[in-house]
PDB file of all heavy atoms in Angstrom:
ATOM      1  N   ALA A   1      -5.713   9.276 -12.906  1.00  0.00           N
ATOM      2  CA  ALA A   1      -4.675   8.383 -12.519  1.00  0.00           C
ATOM      3  C   ALA A   1      -3.395   8.653 -13.324  1.00  0.00           C
ATOM      4  O   ALA A   1      -3.484   9.050 -14.454  1.00  0.00           O
ATOM      5  CB  ALA A   1      -5.118   6.955 -12.670  1.00  0.00           C
ATOM      6  N   GLY A   2      -2.252   8.442 -12.709  1.00  0.00           N
ATOM      7  CA  GLY A   2      -0.979   8.576 -13.411  1.00  0.00           C
ATOM      8  C   GLY A   2      -0.069   7.439 -13.155  1.00  0.00           C
ATOM      9  O   GLY A   2      -0.218   6.721 -12.174  1.00  0.00           O
ATOM     10  N   ILE A   3       0.823   7.183 -14.132  1.00  0.00           N
ATOM     11  CA  ILE A   3       1.810   6.091 -13.973  1.00  0.00           C
ATOM     12  C   ILE A   3       3.131   6.546 -14.493  1.00  0.00           C
ATOM     13  O   ILE A   3       3.189   7.055 -15.631  1.00  0.00           O
ATOM     14  CB  ILE A   3       1.283   4.792 -14.641  1.00  0.00           C
ATOM     15  CG1 ILE A   3       2.273   3.651 -14.324  1.00  0.00           C
ATOM     16  CG2 ILE A   3       1.086   4.944 -16.129  1.00  0.00           C
ATOM     17  CD1 ILE A   3       1.625   2.270 -14.650  1.00  0.00           C
ATOM     18  N   ARG A   4       4.172   6.362 -13.755  1.00  0.00           N
ATOM     19  CA  ARG A   4       5.526   6.730 -14.167  1.00  0.00           C
ATOM     20  C   ARG A   4       6.171   5.585 -14.867  1.00  0.00           C
ATOM     21  O   ARG A   4       5.730   4.507 -14.930  1.00  0.00           O
ATOM     22  CB  ARG A   4       6.350   7.173 -12.969  1.00  0.00           C
ATOM     23  CG  ARG A   4       5.790   8.390 -12.229  1.00  0.00           C
ATOM     24  CD  ARG A   4       6.687   8.926 -11.194  1.00  0.00           C
ATOM     25  NE  ARG A   4       6.065  10.089 -10.480  1.00  0.00           N
ATOM     26  CZ  ARG A   4       6.156  11.348 -10.950  1.00  0.00           C
ATOM     27  NH1 ARG A   4       6.761  11.545 -12.073  1.00  0.00           N
ATOM     28  NH2 ARG A   4       5.562  12.311 -10.244  1.00  0.00           N
ATOM     29  N   SER A   5       7.403   5.900 -15.463  1.00  0.00           N
ATOM     30  CA  SER A   5       8.075   4.878 -16.227  1.00  0.00           C
ATOM     31  C   SER A   5       8.420   3.615 -15.412  1.00  0.00           C
ATOM     32  O   SER A   5       8.385   2.540 -15.916  1.00  0.00           O
ATOM     33  CB  SER A   5       9.338   5.465 -16.820  1.00  0.00           C
ATOM     34  OG  SER A   5      10.166   5.962 -15.762  1.00  0.00           O
ATOM     35  N   GLY A   6       8.632   3.838 -14.117  1.00  0.00           N
ATOM     36  CA  GLY A   6       9.013   2.716 -13.246  1.00  0.00           C
ATOM     37  C   GLY A   6       7.817   1.971 -12.706  1.00  0.00           C
ATOM     38  O   GLY A   6       8.001   0.963 -12.022  1.00  0.00           O
ATOM     39  N   GLY A   7       6.622   2.448 -13.022  1.00  0.00           N
ATOM     40  CA  GLY A   7       5.398   1.786 -12.623  1.00  0.00           C
ATOM     41  C   GLY A   7       4.712   2.371 -11.414  1.00  0.00           C
ATOM     42  O   GLY A   7       3.650   1.940 -11.008  1.00  0.00           O
ATOM     43  N   ASN A   8       5.309   3.402 -10.777  1.00  0.00           N
ATOM     44  CA  ASN A   8       4.640   4.057  -9.665  1.00  0.00           C
ATOM     45  C   ASN A   8       3.360   4.711 -10.175  1.00  0.00           C
ATOM     46  O   ASN A   8       3.317   5.302 -11.196  1.00  0.00           O
ATOM     47  CB  ASN A   8       5.527   5.090  -9.022  1.00  0.00           C
ATOM     48  CG  ASN A   8       6.699   4.448  -8.246  1.00  0.00           C
ATOM     49  OD1 ASN A   8       6.647   3.291  -7.905  1.00  0.00           O
ATOM     50  ND2 ASN A   8       7.742   5.220  -8.044  1.00  0.00           N
ATOM     51  N   THR A   9       2.305   4.610  -9.334  1.00  0.00           N
ATOM     52  CA  THR A   9       1.014   5.101  -9.753  1.00  0.00           C
ATOM     53  C   THR A   9       0.450   6.065  -8.719  1.00  0.00           C
ATOM     54  O   THR A   9       0.841   6.061  -7.532  1.00  0.00           O
ATOM     55  CB  THR A   9      -0.036   3.978  -9.895  1.00  0.00           C
ATOM     56  OG1 THR A   9      -0.126   3.234  -8.677  1.00  0.00           O
ATOM     57  CG2 THR A   9       0.450   3.010 -11.005  1.00  0.00           C
ATOM     58  N   ASN A  10      -0.454   6.884  -9.120  1.00  0.00           N
ATOM     59  CA  ASN A  10      -1.188   7.778  -8.200  1.00  0.00           C
ATOM     60  C   ASN A  10      -2.591   7.948  -8.764  1.00  0.00           C
ATOM     61  O   ASN A  10      -2.811   7.822  -9.956  1.00  0.00           O
ATOM     62  CB  ASN A  10      -0.518   9.129  -8.084  1.00  0.00           C
ATOM     63  CG  ASN A  10      -0.359   9.904  -9.367  1.00  0.00           C
ATOM     64  OD1 ASN A  10       0.412   9.581 -10.230  1.00  0.00           O
ATOM     65  ND2 ASN A  10      -1.168  10.916  -9.513  1.00  0.00           N
ATOM     66  N   TYR A  11      -3.520   8.160  -7.820  1.00  0.00           N
ATOM     67  CA  TYR A  11      -4.921   8.219  -8.184  1.00  0.00           C
ATOM     68  C   TYR A  11      -5.643   9.395  -7.523  1.00  0.00           C
ATOM     69  O   TYR A  11      -5.255   9.817  -6.417  1.00  0.00           O
ATOM     70  CB  TYR A  11      -5.669   6.945  -7.749  1.00  0.00           C
ATOM     71  CG  TYR A  11      -5.194   5.662  -8.436  1.00  0.00           C
ATOM     72  CD1 TYR A  11      -4.118   4.930  -7.919  1.00  0.00           C
ATOM     73  CD2 TYR A  11      -5.711   5.262  -9.637  1.00  0.00           C
ATOM     74  CE1 TYR A  11      -3.699   3.757  -8.535  1.00  0.00           C
ATOM     75  CE2 TYR A  11      -5.256   4.117 -10.263  1.00  0.00           C
ATOM     76  CZ  TYR A  11      -4.250   3.371  -9.680  1.00  0.00           C
ATOM     77  OH  TYR A  11      -3.823   2.270 -10.297  1.00  0.00           O
ATOM     78  N   ALA A  12      -6.641   9.927  -8.177  1.00  0.00           N
ATOM     79  CA  ALA A  12      -7.555  10.866  -7.547  1.00  0.00           C
ATOM     80  C   ALA A  12      -8.258  10.121  -6.383  1.00  0.00           C
ATOM     81  O   ALA A  12      -8.615   8.930  -6.580  1.00  0.00           O
ATOM     82  CB  ALA A  12      -8.532  11.429  -8.558  1.00  0.00           C
ATOM     83  N   ASP A  13      -8.542  10.850  -5.320  1.00  0.00           N
ATOM     84  CA  ASP A  13      -9.277  10.266  -4.199  1.00  0.00           C
ATOM     85  C   ASP A  13     -10.622   9.641  -4.611  1.00  0.00           C
ATOM     86  O   ASP A  13     -11.009   8.604  -4.090  1.00  0.00           O
ATOM     87  CB  ASP A  13      -9.481  11.285  -3.090  1.00  0.00           C
ATOM     88  CG  ASP A  13      -8.164  11.631  -2.393  1.00  0.00           C
ATOM     89  OD1 ASP A  13      -7.153  10.917  -2.486  1.00  0.00           O
ATOM     90  OD2 ASP A  13      -8.206  12.701  -1.696  1.00  0.00           O
ATOM     91  N   SER A  14     -11.258  10.270  -5.575  1.00  0.00           N
ATOM     92  CA  SER A  14     -12.571   9.828  -5.983  1.00  0.00           C
ATOM     93  C   SER A  14     -12.611   8.472  -6.685  1.00  0.00           C
ATOM     94  O   SER A  14     -13.647   7.871  -6.811  1.00  0.00           O
ATOM     95  CB  SER A  14     -13.242  10.927  -6.893  1.00  0.00           C
ATOM     96  OG  SER A  14     -12.436  11.097  -8.035  1.00  0.00           O
ATOM     97  N   VAL A  15     -11.423   8.011  -7.135  1.00  0.00           N
ATOM     98  CA  VAL A  15     -11.398   6.758  -7.894  1.00  0.00           C
ATOM     99  C   VAL A  15     -10.543   5.730  -7.212  1.00  0.00           C
ATOM    100  O   VAL A  15     -10.502   4.558  -7.694  1.00  0.00           O
ATOM    101  CB  VAL A  15     -10.927   6.963  -9.379  1.00  0.00           C
ATOM    102  CG1 VAL A  15     -11.720   8.033 -10.041  1.00  0.00           C
ATOM    103  CG2 VAL A  15      -9.438   7.255  -9.408  1.00  0.00           C
ATOM    104  N   LYS A  16      -9.945   6.032  -6.095  1.00  0.00           N
ATOM    105  CA  LYS A  16      -9.119   5.056  -5.436  1.00  0.00           C
ATOM    106  C   LYS A  16      -9.927   3.816  -4.996  1.00  0.00           C
ATOM    107  O   LYS A  16     -10.991   3.943  -4.463  1.00  0.00           O
ATOM    108  CB  LYS A  16      -8.465   5.658  -4.152  1.00  0.00           C
ATOM    109  CG  LYS A  16      -7.284   6.571  -4.454  1.00  0.00           C
ATOM    110  CD  LYS A  16      -6.661   7.158  -3.133  1.00  0.00           C
ATOM    111  CE  LYS A  16      -5.527   8.050  -3.486  1.00  0.00           C
ATOM    112  NZ  LYS A  16      -4.971   8.724  -2.250  1.00  0.00           N
ATOM    113  N   GLY A  17      -9.321   2.680  -5.300  1.00  0.00           N
ATOM    114  CA  GLY A  17      -9.989   1.423  -4.973  1.00  0.00           C
ATOM    115  C   GLY A  17     -10.944   0.931  -6.020  1.00  0.00           C
ATOM    116  O   GLY A  17     -11.466  -0.186  -5.967  1.00  0.00           O
ATOM    117  N   ARG A  18     -11.253   1.813  -7.065  1.00  0.00           N
ATOM    118  CA  ARG A  18     -12.148   1.414  -8.119  1.00  0.00           C
ATOM    119  C   ARG A  18     -11.431   1.340  -9.468  1.00  0.00           C
ATOM    120  O   ARG A  18     -11.833   0.482 -10.302  1.00  0.00           O
ATOM    121  CB  ARG A  18     -13.329   2.397  -8.176  1.00  0.00           C
ATOM    122  CG  ARG A  18     -14.135   2.496  -6.932  1.00  0.00           C
ATOM    123  CD  ARG A  18     -15.431   3.383  -7.143  1.00  0.00           C
ATOM    124  NE  ARG A  18     -15.143   4.774  -7.513  1.00  0.00           N
ATOM    125  CZ  ARG A  18     -15.516   5.345  -8.592  1.00  0.00           C
ATOM    126  NH1 ARG A  18     -16.285   4.710  -9.483  1.00  0.00           N
ATOM    127  NH2 ARG A  18     -15.221   6.604  -8.867  1.00  0.00           N
ATOM    128  N   PHE A  19     -10.476   2.277  -9.678  1.00  0.00           N
ATOM    129  CA  PHE A  19      -9.762   2.315 -10.940  1.00  0.00           C
ATOM    130  C   PHE A  19      -8.355   1.805 -10.763  1.00  0.00           C
ATOM    131  O   PHE A  19      -7.750   2.036  -9.760  1.00  0.00           O
ATOM    132  CB  PHE A  19      -9.759   3.727 -11.425  1.00  0.00           C
ATOM    133  CG  PHE A  19     -11.087   4.326 -11.921  1.00  0.00           C
ATOM    134  CD1 PHE A  19     -12.288   3.671 -11.639  1.00  0.00           C
ATOM    135  CD2 PHE A  19     -11.117   5.522 -12.545  1.00  0.00           C
ATOM    136  CE1 PHE A  19     -13.498   4.207 -12.036  1.00  0.00           C
ATOM    137  CE2 PHE A  19     -12.284   6.080 -12.964  1.00  0.00           C
ATOM    138  CZ  PHE A  19     -13.491   5.479 -12.713  1.00  0.00           C
ATOM    139  N   THR A  20      -7.842   1.261 -11.834  1.00  0.00           N
ATOM    140  CA  THR A  20      -6.438   0.787 -11.872  1.00  0.00           C
ATOM    141  C   THR A  20      -5.829   1.133 -13.202  1.00  0.00           C
ATOM    142  O   THR A  20      -6.332   0.796 -14.273  1.00  0.00           O
ATOM    143  CB  THR A  20      -6.356  -0.753 -11.699  1.00  0.00           C
ATOM    144  OG1 THR A  20      -7.014  -1.104 -10.503  1.00  0.00           O
ATOM    145  CG2 THR A  20      -4.922  -1.176 -11.691  1.00  0.00           C
ATOM    146  N   ILE A  21      -4.683   1.905 -13.064  1.00  0.00           N
ATOM    147  CA  ILE A  21      -3.951   2.255 -14.226  1.00  0.00           C
ATOM    148  C   ILE A  21      -2.771   1.261 -14.439  1.00  0.00           C
ATOM    149  O   ILE A  21      -2.158   0.803 -13.458  1.00  0.00           O
ATOM    150  CB  ILE A  21      -3.425   3.708 -14.192  1.00  0.00           C
ATOM    151  CG1 ILE A  21      -2.790   4.114 -15.523  1.00  0.00           C
ATOM    152  CG2 ILE A  21      -2.467   3.857 -13.057  1.00  0.00           C
ATOM    153  CD1 ILE A  21      -2.495   5.623 -15.578  1.00  0.00           C
ATOM    154  N   SER A  22      -2.472   0.871 -15.676  1.00  0.00           N
ATOM    155  CA  SER A  22      -1.350   0.012 -15.913  1.00  0.00           C
ATOM    156  C   SER A  22      -0.756   0.364 -17.304  1.00  0.00           C
ATOM    157  O   SER A  22      -1.369   1.110 -18.085  1.00  0.00           O
ATOM    158  CB  SER A  22      -1.855  -1.443 -15.957  1.00  0.00           C
ATOM    159  OG  SER A  22      -2.783  -1.654 -16.957  1.00  0.00           O
ATOM    160  N   ARG A  23       0.401  -0.088 -17.569  1.00  0.00           N
ATOM    161  CA  ARG A  23       1.108   0.152 -18.802  1.00  0.00           C
ATOM    162  C   ARG A  23       1.799  -1.142 -19.353  1.00  0.00           C
ATOM    163  O   ARG A  23       2.218  -1.992 -18.529  1.00  0.00           O
ATOM    164  CB  ARG A  23       2.139   1.279 -18.679  1.00  0.00           C
ATOM    165  CG  ARG A  23       3.264   1.034 -17.840  1.00  0.00           C
ATOM    166  CD  ARG A  23       4.090   2.338 -17.543  1.00  0.00           C
ATOM    167  NE  ARG A  23       4.631   2.933 -18.803  1.00  0.00           N
ATOM    168  CZ  ARG A  23       4.951   4.145 -18.927  1.00  0.00           C
ATOM    169  NH1 ARG A  23       4.806   5.003 -17.909  1.00  0.00           N
ATOM    170  NH2 ARG A  23       5.424   4.651 -20.072  1.00  0.00           N
ATOM    171  N   ASP A  24       1.874  -1.238 -20.631  1.00  0.00           N
ATOM    172  CA  ASP A  24       2.582  -2.327 -21.292  1.00  0.00           C
ATOM    173  C   ASP A  24       3.622  -1.687 -22.235  1.00  0.00           C
ATOM    174  O   ASP A  24       3.207  -1.255 -23.344  1.00  0.00           O
ATOM    175  CB  ASP A  24       1.590  -3.230 -22.084  1.00  0.00           C
ATOM    176  CG  ASP A  24       2.260  -4.438 -22.630  1.00  0.00           C
ATOM    177  OD1 ASP A  24       3.473  -4.416 -22.902  1.00  0.00           O
ATOM    178  OD2 ASP A  24       1.559  -5.423 -22.875  1.00  0.00           O
ATOM    179  N   ASN A  25       4.818  -1.583 -21.810  1.00  0.00           N
ATOM    180  CA  ASN A  25       5.818  -0.927 -22.551  1.00  0.00           C
ATOM    181  C   ASN A  25       6.182  -1.614 -23.849  1.00  0.00           C
ATOM    182  O   ASN A  25       6.602  -1.048 -24.839  1.00  0.00           O
ATOM    183  CB  ASN A  25       7.091  -0.651 -21.747  1.00  0.00           C
ATOM    184  CG  ASN A  25       6.905   0.323 -20.617  1.00  0.00           C
ATOM    185  OD1 ASN A  25       6.047   1.205 -20.676  1.00  0.00           O
ATOM    186  ND2 ASN A  25       7.675   0.208 -19.603  1.00  0.00           N
ATOM    187  N   ALA A  26       5.961  -2.910 -23.909  1.00  0.00           N
ATOM    188  CA  ALA A  26       6.224  -3.677 -25.125  1.00  0.00           C
ATOM    189  C   ALA A  26       5.222  -3.339 -26.197  1.00  0.00           C
ATOM    190  O   ALA A  26       5.537  -3.441 -27.408  1.00  0.00           O
ATOM    191  CB  ALA A  26       6.209  -5.200 -24.802  1.00  0.00           C
ATOM    192  N   LYS A  27       3.987  -2.988 -25.780  1.00  0.00           N
ATOM    193  CA  LYS A  27       2.993  -2.678 -26.727  1.00  0.00           C
ATOM    194  C   LYS A  27       2.697  -1.150 -26.864  1.00  0.00           C
ATOM    195  O   LYS A  27       1.802  -0.722 -27.594  1.00  0.00           O
ATOM    196  CB  LYS A  27       1.634  -3.398 -26.341  1.00  0.00           C
ATOM    197  CG  LYS A  27       1.776  -4.896 -26.404  1.00  0.00           C
ATOM    198  CD  LYS A  27       0.409  -5.559 -26.034  1.00  0.00           C
ATOM    199  CE  LYS A  27       0.546  -7.069 -26.121  1.00  0.00           C
ATOM    200  NZ  LYS A  27      -0.733  -7.724 -25.771  1.00  0.00           N
ATOM    201  N   ASN A  28       3.404  -0.354 -26.087  1.00  0.00           N
ATOM    202  CA  ASN A  28       3.207   1.064 -26.149  1.00  0.00           C
ATOM    203  C   ASN A  28       1.792   1.432 -25.757  1.00  0.00           C
ATOM    204  O   ASN A  28       1.112   2.292 -26.458  1.00  0.00           O
ATOM    205  CB  ASN A  28       3.573   1.686 -27.472  1.00  0.00           C
ATOM    206  CG  ASN A  28       5.048   1.925 -27.643  1.00  0.00           C
ATOM    207  OD1 ASN A  28       5.864   1.364 -26.913  1.00  0.00           O
ATOM    208  ND2 ASN A  28       5.452   2.785 -28.562  1.00  0.00           N
ATOM    209  N   THR A  29       1.246   0.801 -24.724  1.00  0.00           N
ATOM    210  CA  THR A  29      -0.148   1.130 -24.341  1.00  0.00           C
ATOM    211  C   THR A  29      -0.201   1.373 -22.873  1.00  0.00           C
ATOM    212  O   THR A  29       0.569   0.864 -22.072  1.00  0.00           O
ATOM    213  CB  THR A  29      -1.084  -0.037 -24.674  1.00  0.00           C
ATOM    214  OG1 THR A  29      -0.624  -1.228 -24.013  1.00  0.00           O
ATOM    215  CG2 THR A  29      -1.155  -0.291 -26.207  1.00  0.00           C
ATOM    216  N   VAL A  30      -1.158   2.204 -22.463  1.00  0.00           N
ATOM    217  CA  VAL A  30      -1.518   2.423 -21.086  1.00  0.00           C
ATOM    218  C   VAL A  30      -3.007   2.195 -20.944  1.00  0.00           C
ATOM    219  O   VAL A  30      -3.787   2.621 -21.864  1.00  0.00           O
ATOM    220  CB  VAL A  30      -1.065   3.819 -20.631  1.00  0.00           C
ATOM    221  CG1 VAL A  30      -1.753   4.939 -21.448  1.00  0.00           C
ATOM    222  CG2 VAL A  30      -1.377   3.992 -19.181  1.00  0.00           C
ATOM    223  N   SER A  31      -3.434   1.579 -19.906  1.00  0.00           N
ATOM    224  CA  SER A  31      -4.828   1.224 -19.806  1.00  0.00           C
ATOM    225  C   SER A  31      -5.380   1.743 -18.472  1.00  0.00           C
ATOM    226  O   SER A  31      -4.642   2.021 -17.509  1.00  0.00           O
ATOM    227  CB  SER A  31      -5.016  -0.328 -19.823  1.00  0.00           C
ATOM    228  OG  SER A  31      -4.573  -0.810 -21.056  1.00  0.00           O
ATOM    229  N   LEU A  32      -6.689   1.901 -18.415  1.00  0.00           N
ATOM    230  CA  LEU A  32      -7.422   2.274 -17.181  1.00  0.00           C
ATOM    231  C   LEU A  32      -8.552   1.338 -17.027  1.00  0.00           C
ATOM    232  O   LEU A  32      -9.579   1.361 -17.810  1.00  0.00           O
ATOM    233  CB  LEU A  32      -7.910   3.745 -17.294  1.00  0.00           C
ATOM    234  CG  LEU A  32      -8.528   4.267 -16.018  1.00  0.00           C
ATOM    235  CD1 LEU A  32      -7.487   4.444 -14.880  1.00  0.00           C
ATOM    236  CD2 LEU A  32      -9.190   5.620 -16.270  1.00  0.00           C
ATOM    237  N   GLN A  33      -8.481   0.473 -15.995  1.00  0.00           N
ATOM    238  CA  GLN A  33      -9.523  -0.441 -15.735  1.00  0.00           C
ATOM    239  C   GLN A  33     -10.456   0.285 -14.681  1.00  0.00           C
ATOM    240  O   GLN A  33     -10.020   0.698 -13.614  1.00  0.00           O
ATOM    241  CB  GLN A  33      -9.050  -1.723 -15.072  1.00  0.00           C
ATOM    242  CG  GLN A  33     -10.085  -2.717 -14.620  1.00  0.00           C
ATOM    243  CD  GLN A  33     -10.904  -3.264 -15.826  1.00  0.00           C
ATOM    244  OE1 GLN A  33     -10.366  -3.587 -16.823  1.00  0.00           O
ATOM    245  NE2 GLN A  33     -12.243  -3.310 -15.639  1.00  0.00           N
ATOM    246  N   MET A  34     -11.732   0.422 -15.047  1.00  0.00           N
ATOM    247  CA  MET A  34     -12.623   1.210 -14.210  1.00  0.00           C
ATOM    248  C   MET A  34     -13.734   0.247 -13.714  1.00  0.00           C
ATOM    249  O   MET A  34     -14.531  -0.303 -14.583  1.00  0.00           O
ATOM    250  CB  MET A  34     -13.253   2.368 -15.016  1.00  0.00           C
ATOM    251  CG  MET A  34     -12.206   3.268 -15.599  1.00  0.00           C
ATOM    252  SD  MET A  34     -12.935   4.716 -16.375  1.00  0.00           S
ATOM    253  CE  MET A  34     -13.821   3.983 -17.755  1.00  0.00           C
TER     254      MET A  34
END
C-alpha cells in the first residue's frame, strides 16, 4: 500500500478491502491496519 502527501492511497489487489494505510503528519507516523 502507498499513501501520498495529500492522502491519496493505492493498494495491491491482494489486500484491497482488507488493509488500510493511513498517516499522521503531526506524529510523523504511517500505519497499516491489516
